[in-house]
Structures are given as C-alpha cells and as structure tokens.
C-alpha atoms as a PDB file:
ATOM      1  CA  MET A   1      10.159 -11.040 -12.148  1.00  0.00           C
ATOM      2  CA  MET A   2       8.032 -11.382  -8.820  1.00  0.00           C
ATOM      3  CA  GLY A   3       5.018  -9.022 -10.095  1.00  0.00           C
ATOM      4  CA  ILE A   4       3.426  -6.359  -8.147  1.00  0.00           C
ATOM      5  CA  THR A   5       1.175  -5.992  -5.478  1.00  0.00           C
ATOM      6  CA  LYS A   6      -1.736  -3.510  -4.666  1.00  0.00           C
ATOM      7  CA  ILE A   7      -3.057  -3.286  -1.353  1.00  0.00           C
ATOM      8  CA  PHE A   8      -6.901  -1.735  -0.461  1.00  0.00           C
ATOM      9  CA  ARG A   9      -9.287  -1.850   2.163  1.00  0.00           C
ATOM     10  CA  HIS A  10     -12.735  -2.067   2.686  1.00  0.00           C
ATOM     11  CA  ARG A  11     -14.974  -2.705   5.797  1.00  0.00           C
ATOM     12  CA  ASP A  12     -12.472  -4.632   8.344  1.00  0.00           C
ATOM     13  CA  TYR A  13     -10.747  -5.912   5.997  1.00  0.00           C
ATOM     14  CA  GLU A  14      -7.103  -5.489   4.515  1.00  0.00           C
ATOM     15  CA  LEU A  15      -7.118  -7.001   1.462  1.00  0.00           C
ATOM     16  CA  GLN A  16      -3.577  -7.822  -0.774  1.00  0.00           C
ATOM     17  CA  CYS A  17      -4.025  -8.189  -4.316  1.00  0.00           C
ATOM     18  CA  SER A  18      -1.394  -9.667  -5.834  1.00  0.00           C
ATOM     19  CA  ALA A  19      -0.568  -9.886 -10.036  1.00  0.00           C
ATOM     20  CA  LYS A  20       2.240 -12.829 -10.528  1.00  0.00           C
ATOM     21  CA  PRO A  21       3.439 -13.312 -14.147  1.00  0.00           C
ATOM     22  CA  SER A  22       2.312 -16.569 -15.807  1.00  0.00           C
ATOM     23  CA  ASP A  23       4.374 -18.904 -18.387  1.00  0.00           C
ATOM     24  CA  ASN A  24       2.527 -17.123 -21.500  1.00  0.00           C
ATOM     25  CA  GLY A  25       3.119 -13.838 -20.634  1.00  0.00           C
ATOM     26  CA  LYS A  26       0.001 -12.938 -19.226  1.00  0.00           C
ATOM     27  CA  PHE A  27      -0.297 -12.683 -15.585  1.00  0.00           C
ATOM     28  CA  SER A  28      -2.164 -14.733 -12.533  1.00  0.00           C
ATOM     29  CA  PRO A  29      -4.456 -12.942 -10.113  1.00  0.00           C
ATOM     30  CA  SER A  30      -3.865 -14.086  -6.465  1.00  0.00           C
ATOM     31  CA  LEU A  31      -5.373 -12.483  -3.298  1.00  0.00           C
ATOM     32  CA  VAL A  32      -4.884 -12.816   0.866  1.00  0.00           C
ATOM     33  CA  VAL A  33      -7.369 -11.231   3.094  1.00  0.00           C
ATOM     34  CA  CYS A  34      -6.751 -10.283   6.648  1.00  0.00           C
ATOM     35  CA  LYS A  35      -9.310  -9.143   9.149  1.00  0.00           C
ATOM     36  CA  GLN A  36      -7.965  -5.547  10.720  1.00  0.00           C
ATOM     37  CA  VAL A  37      -9.413  -6.301  13.965  1.00  0.00           C
ATOM     38  CA  TRP A  38      -8.952  -9.272  16.018  1.00  0.00           C
ATOM     39  CA  PRO A  39      -8.689 -12.085  15.161  1.00  0.00           C
ATOM     40  CA  THR A  40      -6.297 -10.840  12.363  1.00  0.00           C
ATOM     41  CA  ARG A  41      -5.723 -13.860  10.956  1.00  0.00           C
ATOM     42  CA  PRO A  42      -4.583 -13.780   6.859  1.00  0.00           C
ATOM     43  CA  ARG A  43      -6.543 -16.339   5.132  1.00  0.00           C
ATOM     44  CA  GLU A  44      -5.381 -16.875   1.199  1.00  0.00           C
ATOM     45  CA  ILE A  45      -8.397 -16.817  -0.975  1.00  0.00           C
ATOM     46  CA  ALA A  46      -8.561 -18.865  -4.194  1.00  0.00           C
ATOM     47  CA  VAL A  47      -9.219 -16.651  -7.666  1.00  0.00           C
ATOM     48  CA  PRO A  48      -9.616 -17.737 -11.033  1.00  0.00           C
ATOM     49  CA  ARG A  49      -6.296 -18.171 -12.723  1.00  0.00           C
ATOM     50  CA  GLY A  50      -7.548 -16.739 -16.186  1.00  0.00           C
ATOM     51  CA  ASP A  51      -4.715 -14.992 -18.134  1.00  0.00           C
ATOM     52  CA  HIS A  52      -5.199 -11.245 -17.777  1.00  0.00           C
ATOM     53  CA  ALA A  53      -3.310  -9.451 -20.544  1.00  0.00           C
ATOM     54  CA  THR A  54      -1.981  -6.221 -17.957  1.00  0.00           C
ATOM     55  CA  GLU A  55      -0.894  -6.711 -14.149  1.00  0.00           C
ATOM     56  CA  ASP A  56      -3.879  -4.227 -13.453  1.00  0.00           C
ATOM     57  CA  THR A  57      -6.622  -6.383 -15.040  1.00  0.00           C
ATOM     58  CA  ALA A  58      -5.173  -9.502 -13.295  1.00  0.00           C
ATOM     59  CA  ILE A  59      -5.377  -7.033  -9.807  1.00  0.00           C
ATOM     60  CA  ASP A  60      -9.346  -5.540 -10.340  1.00  0.00           C
ATOM     61  CA  ALA A  61      -9.624  -9.548 -10.324  1.00  0.00           C
ATOM     62  CA  ALA A  62      -8.836 -10.442  -7.607  1.00  0.00           C
ATOM     63  CA  TYR A  63      -9.172  -7.442  -5.991  1.00  0.00           C
ATOM     64  CA  ALA A  64     -13.498  -8.510  -6.921  1.00  0.00           C
ATOM     65  CA  GLN A  65     -13.461 -11.664  -5.577  1.00  0.00           C
ATOM     66  CA  GLY A  66     -11.751  -9.864  -2.309  1.00  0.00           C
ATOM     67  CA  ILE A  67     -15.082  -7.946  -2.227  1.00  0.00           C
ATOM     68  CA  GLU A  68     -17.255 -11.462  -2.781  1.00  0.00           C
ATOM     69  CA  TRP A  69     -15.424 -12.664  -0.057  1.00  0.00           C
ATOM     70  CA  ILE A  70     -16.485 -10.217   2.334  1.00  0.00           C
ATOM     71  CA  THR A  71     -19.674 -10.219   1.476  1.00  0.00           C
ATOM     72  CA  ASN A  72     -20.492 -13.469   1.426  1.00  0.00           C
ATOM     73  CA  TYR A  73     -17.915 -14.951   4.519  1.00  0.00           C
ATOM     74  CA  GLY A  74     -17.088 -12.080   6.503  1.00  0.00           C
END
C-alpha cells in the first residue's frame, strides 16, 4: 500500500503532504516543499515520525511542519 498524498498551497509554495502506512497499522507523515517561483527545487522536509491513527492526522502533521518551515525558512 502506497498511502495518500494531498497537495496544499501556502504563499509561493506547494506542500505535498503524504501519509504512509507503518508496520504497526498506523501512519507516518512525509513532506515535500516546492517553491512555485524560481528556483523551484523540491525539498524533502523532516517530519517527526509519530504514530498517527489515521491518514488524515498524519497529513495534518506534515502540513503543520510545512507551514512552520515556510515561516522560518521560506
């Protein structure tokens, strides 16, 4: 099973937030941030793994990490 990905836009960035199944039946978040204006180099951002009961909570964690990254480094 691949998991699901949702794409969000915030300011000049695209956030690709994913939830991937873990071995324990829970979900782990992952995040790729890509600026929508030059330079458009995608960056994989570390998200604390956590054990999320649903795909939606894992995606919410990735989204929150993306907003924090944009605020601090974008």
